[in-house]
């Protein structure tokens, strides 16, 4: 139940991001850009410092199997975002695209959002502190995720209502991911390794390139601040 509540809160981030695009709130979009950079640093540090050591030592999964599951999670997101959704990048879509692109983006990001829920629930199955850390990492990139899907829907000519609904669908996929993880034994056992791969992809292959493309000092500071925040969080909560 705790994981589900946190997943519900995280799901609202998709709606907030979508709403910022639909209402064209420039200040909100600038804040979300900082969240993207901060979230990238936080998530990268979370995977490397907080999750992978647990996956390889305490989940009861053989190291080779754990490594394959991490790679599988990484590969699933790549396929979802660059095969199912060939025209994809995090952030506001500025080019006109066809309706099929909007729907394919929704499908690809829904798979990603599903694993956001898996990550939160898997973290709580290990410890409350790891679950909260996953929640924070997910929440930080939920805002730019909502921005991405809603802006692609608008660029596809599908209108504001469908753009906002797309954010809601991503939120729902997150909630389903949390529910399924707690109910399905194999996912409960292997979900943390899969979530590690998914989170690593989002941080290193999605968010970091967006920061590098912008070349803004404030986003670099936010990225390093995100990594520092995860280290501080672990220092304050040694049980994580």
Protein backbone atom coordinates (compact mmCIF):
# COMPACT_ATOMS: atom_id res chain seq x y z
CA UNK A 1 0.00 0.00 0.00
CA UNK A 2 2.87 2.40 0.80
CA UNK A 3 4.44 1.87 -2.63
CA UNK A 4 1.08 2.46 -4.30
CA UNK A 5 0.59 5.76 -2.49
CA UNK A 6 4.03 6.96 -3.56
CA UNK A 7 3.32 5.82 -7.13
CA UNK A 8 0.07 7.83 -7.08
CA UNK A 9 1.95 10.95 -6.02
CA UNK A 10 4.63 10.37 -8.68
CA UNK A 11 1.93 9.92 -11.32
CA UNK A 12 0.73 13.47 -10.71
CA UNK A 13 4.06 14.70 -12.06
CA UNK A 14 3.05 13.58 -15.56
CA UNK A 15 -0.14 15.63 -15.34
CA UNK A 16 1.67 18.70 -13.99
CA UNK A 17 4.23 18.54 -16.82
CA UNK A 18 1.49 18.10 -19.43
CA UNK A 19 -0.51 20.96 -17.95
CA UNK A 20 2.51 23.29 -18.11
CA UNK A 21 2.78 22.64 -21.87
CA UNK A 22 -0.95 22.92 -22.55
CA UNK A 23 -1.16 26.24 -20.69
CA UNK A 24 2.18 27.45 -22.12
CA UNK A 25 3.54 28.38 -18.70
CA UNK A 26 7.07 29.47 -19.51
CA UNK A 27 8.20 29.79 -15.89
CA UNK A 28 6.97 26.30 -15.14
CA UNK A 29 8.80 24.93 -18.17
CA UNK A 30 12.03 26.66 -17.07
CA UNK A 31 11.65 25.09 -13.62
CA UNK A 32 11.03 21.68 -15.19
CA UNK A 33 14.28 22.06 -17.16
CA UNK A 34 16.13 22.42 -13.85
CA UNK A 35 14.25 19.38 -12.51
CA UNK A 36 15.42 17.43 -15.55
CA UNK A 37 19.07 18.23 -14.84
CA UNK A 38 18.77 17.70 -11.09
CA UNK A 39 16.90 14.45 -11.67
CA UNK A 40 19.59 13.19 -14.06
CA UNK A 41 22.30 13.60 -11.43
CA UNK A 42 20.11 12.14 -8.68
CA UNK A 43 19.06 9.10 -10.72
CA UNK A 44 22.55 8.35 -12.01
CA UNK A 45 23.94 8.46 -8.48
CA UNK A 46 21.00 6.40 -7.20
CA UNK A 47 21.66 3.57 -9.66
CA UNK A 48 25.45 3.52 -9.29
CA UNK A 49 25.63 4.01 -5.52
CA UNK A 50 22.31 2.85 -4.14
CA UNK A 51 20.78 0.22 -6.44
CA UNK A 52 23.44 -1.79 -8.27
CA UNK A 53 25.25 -2.83 -5.06
CA UNK A 54 21.92 -4.13 -3.73
CA UNK A 55 21.08 -5.90 -7.00
CA UNK A 56 24.42 -7.73 -7.08
CA UNK A 57 24.70 -8.62 -3.39
CA UNK A 58 21.41 -8.85 -1.49
CA UNK A 59 18.50 -9.68 -3.82
CA UNK A 60 19.20 -13.42 -4.00
CA UNK A 61 19.83 -13.21 -7.76
CA UNK A 62 23.04 -14.64 -9.25
CA UNK A 63 25.40 -11.90 -10.42
CA UNK A 64 25.30 -13.03 -14.05
CA UNK A 65 21.50 -13.13 -14.02
CA UNK A 66 21.33 -9.75 -12.30
CA UNK A 67 23.62 -8.27 -14.94
CA UNK A 68 21.46 -9.65 -17.74
CA UNK A 69 18.33 -8.20 -16.12
CA UNK A 70 19.93 -4.77 -15.80
CA UNK A 71 20.90 -4.96 -19.48
CA UNK A 72 17.38 -6.11 -20.36
CA UNK A 73 15.86 -3.13 -18.57
CA UNK A 74 18.25 -0.80 -20.40
CA UNK A 75 17.43 -2.44 -23.74
CA UNK A 76 13.67 -2.33 -23.20
CA UNK A 77 13.70 1.44 -22.84
CA UNK A 78 15.92 1.84 -25.89
CA UNK A 79 13.50 -0.21 -27.99
CA UNK A 80 10.49 1.66 -26.59
CA UNK A 81 11.95 5.09 -27.27
CA UNK A 82 13.88 4.58 -30.50
CA UNK A 83 12.09 1.75 -32.30
CA UNK A 84 8.47 2.16 -31.20
CA UNK A 85 9.03 5.92 -31.00
CA UNK A 86 11.68 6.80 -33.61
CA UNK A 87 11.18 10.57 -33.20
CA UNK A 88 11.95 11.05 -29.52
CA UNK A 89 13.79 13.31 -27.13
CA UNK A 90 13.03 14.61 -23.66
CA UNK A 91 11.79 18.18 -23.54
CA UNK A 92 9.43 20.36 -25.56
CA UNK A 93 8.85 19.18 -29.14
CA UNK A 94 9.37 22.13 -31.51
CA UNK A 95 8.84 20.42 -34.89
CA UNK A 96 5.56 19.48 -36.52
CA UNK A 97 5.08 15.71 -36.69
CA UNK A 98 2.32 13.36 -37.82
CA UNK A 99 -0.41 11.95 -35.55
CA UNK A 100 1.18 8.49 -35.67
CA UNK A 101 4.27 9.95 -34.02
CA UNK A 102 2.17 11.25 -31.15
CA UNK A 103 0.54 7.90 -30.52
CA UNK A 104 3.79 5.95 -30.87
CA UNK A 105 5.41 8.31 -28.35
CA UNK A 106 2.56 7.64 -25.96
CA UNK A 107 3.03 3.87 -26.31
CA UNK A 108 6.79 4.05 -25.84
CA UNK A 109 6.61 6.39 -22.85
CA UNK A 110 3.83 4.32 -21.29
CA UNK A 111 6.20 1.34 -21.15
CA UNK A 112 8.79 3.58 -19.54
CA UNK A 113 6.19 4.91 -17.08
CA UNK A 114 5.16 1.35 -16.21
CA UNK A 115 8.73 0.65 -15.11
CA UNK A 116 8.70 3.85 -13.06
CA UNK A 117 6.02 2.15 -10.98
CA UNK A 118 8.03 -1.08 -10.93
CA UNK A 119 11.05 0.86 -9.66
CA UNK A 120 9.14 2.45 -6.78
CA UNK A 121 7.49 -0.81 -5.71
CA UNK A 122 10.72 -2.83 -6.08
CA UNK A 123 12.58 -0.31 -3.98
CA UNK A 124 10.04 -0.56 -1.16
CA UNK A 125 10.26 -4.36 -1.27
CA UNK A 126 13.95 -4.01 -0.35
CA UNK A 127 13.71 -1.13 2.14
CA UNK A 128 11.64 1.97 2.79
CA UNK A 129 14.64 4.25 2.27
CA UNK A 130 15.39 2.73 -1.16
CA UNK A 131 11.72 3.02 -2.11
CA UNK A 132 11.66 6.69 -1.13
CA UNK A 133 14.89 7.30 -3.09
CA UNK A 134 13.36 5.69 -6.18
CA UNK A 135 10.22 7.75 -5.69
CA UNK A 136 12.23 10.97 -5.60
CA UNK A 137 14.17 10.02 -8.72
CA UNK A 138 10.98 9.09 -10.57
CA UNK A 139 9.18 12.22 -9.42
CA UNK A 140 11.96 14.46 -10.70
CA UNK A 141 11.76 13.11 -14.23
CA UNK A 142 7.96 12.75 -14.25
CA UNK A 143 7.65 16.49 -14.91
CA UNK A 144 9.82 16.50 -18.09
CA UNK A 145 8.19 13.21 -19.11
CA UNK A 146 4.78 14.90 -19.01
CA UNK A 147 6.20 17.84 -20.96
CA UNK A 148 7.60 15.48 -23.59
CA UNK A 149 4.45 13.46 -24.28
CA UNK A 150 2.08 16.43 -24.25
CA UNK A 151 4.27 18.56 -26.52
CA UNK A 152 4.60 15.69 -29.01
CA UNK A 153 0.81 15.26 -28.98
CA UNK A 154 0.38 18.99 -29.68
CA UNK A 155 3.03 18.91 -32.41
CA UNK A 156 1.11 15.98 -33.92
CA UNK A 157 -1.98 18.18 -34.19
CA UNK A 158 -3.98 16.06 -31.73
CA UNK A 159 -5.14 18.98 -29.59
CA UNK A 160 -4.85 20.09 -25.98
CA UNK A 161 -7.34 17.63 -24.51
CA UNK A 162 -5.48 14.63 -25.90
CA UNK A 163 -2.16 16.17 -24.87
CA UNK A 164 -3.37 16.45 -21.29
CA UNK A 165 -4.95 12.98 -21.44
CA UNK A 166 -1.60 11.58 -22.57
CA UNK A 167 -0.04 12.83 -19.33
CA UNK A 168 -2.81 11.08 -17.41
CA UNK A 169 -2.19 7.81 -19.28
CA UNK A 170 1.48 7.89 -18.30
CA UNK A 171 0.47 8.44 -14.69
CA UNK A 172 -1.91 5.49 -14.88
CA UNK A 173 0.84 3.28 -16.34
CA UNK A 174 3.02 4.15 -13.35
CA UNK A 175 0.30 3.12 -10.91
CA UNK A 176 -0.25 -0.15 -12.80
CA UNK A 177 3.49 -0.85 -12.64
CA UNK A 178 3.47 -0.52 -8.86
CA UNK A 179 0.38 -2.73 -8.52
CA UNK A 180 1.71 -5.47 -10.80
CA UNK A 181 5.08 -5.56 -9.04
CA UNK A 182 3.49 -6.23 -5.67
CA UNK A 183 1.14 -8.88 -7.14
CA UNK A 184 3.43 -10.84 -9.50
CA UNK A 185 6.14 -12.86 -7.76
CA UNK A 186 8.77 -12.92 -10.58
CA UNK A 187 8.53 -9.16 -11.03
CA UNK A 188 8.80 -8.65 -7.28
CA UNK A 189 12.02 -10.71 -7.30
CA UNK A 190 13.63 -9.36 -10.47
CA UNK A 191 12.00 -5.94 -10.70
CA UNK A 192 14.81 -4.10 -8.92
CA UNK A 193 17.39 -5.24 -11.47
CA UNK A 194 15.10 -4.33 -14.37
CA UNK A 195 14.36 -0.96 -12.76
CA UNK A 196 18.09 -0.33 -12.37
CA UNK A 197 18.58 -0.79 -16.12
CA UNK A 198 15.61 1.42 -16.95
CA UNK A 199 16.73 4.16 -14.58
CA UNK A 200 20.29 4.01 -15.87
CA UNK A 201 19.04 4.47 -19.44
CA UNK A 202 16.77 7.38 -18.55
CA UNK A 203 19.52 9.17 -16.62
CA UNK A 204 22.53 8.49 -18.85
CA UNK A 205 21.01 8.13 -22.33
CA UNK A 206 17.97 10.44 -22.13
CA UNK A 207 18.56 13.19 -19.61
CA UNK A 208 22.33 13.74 -19.73
CA UNK A 209 22.35 14.32 -23.53
CA UNK A 210 19.58 16.91 -23.09
CA UNK A 211 21.74 18.73 -20.53
CA UNK A 212 24.79 18.57 -22.78
CA UNK A 213 22.84 19.90 -25.76
CA UNK A 214 21.70 22.93 -23.79
CA UNK A 215 25.20 23.91 -22.63
CA UNK A 216 23.79 26.01 -19.78
CA UNK A 217 25.87 26.40 -16.59
CA UNK A 218 22.75 26.28 -14.42
CA UNK A 219 21.83 22.81 -15.67
CA UNK A 220 25.35 21.53 -14.98
CA UNK A 221 25.10 22.90 -11.44
CA UNK A 222 21.68 21.27 -11.07
CA UNK A 223 23.04 17.94 -12.36
CA UNK A 224 25.91 17.94 -9.86
CA UNK A 225 23.49 19.08 -7.16
CA UNK A 226 21.26 16.11 -7.88
CA UNK A 227 24.15 13.67 -7.44
CA UNK A 228 25.21 15.44 -4.24
CA UNK A 229 21.63 15.29 -2.93
CA UNK A 230 21.52 11.50 -3.32
CA UNK A 231 24.86 11.12 -1.50
CA UNK A 232 23.57 13.40 1.30
CA UNK A 233 20.31 11.47 1.51
CA UNK A 234 22.19 8.21 1.94
CA UNK A 235 24.47 9.77 4.55
CA UNK A 236 21.42 10.89 6.56
CA UNK A 237 19.73 7.51 6.19
CA UNK A 238 22.39 4.78 6.54
CA UNK A 239 19.76 2.05 6.31
CA UNK A 240 19.31 2.72 2.60
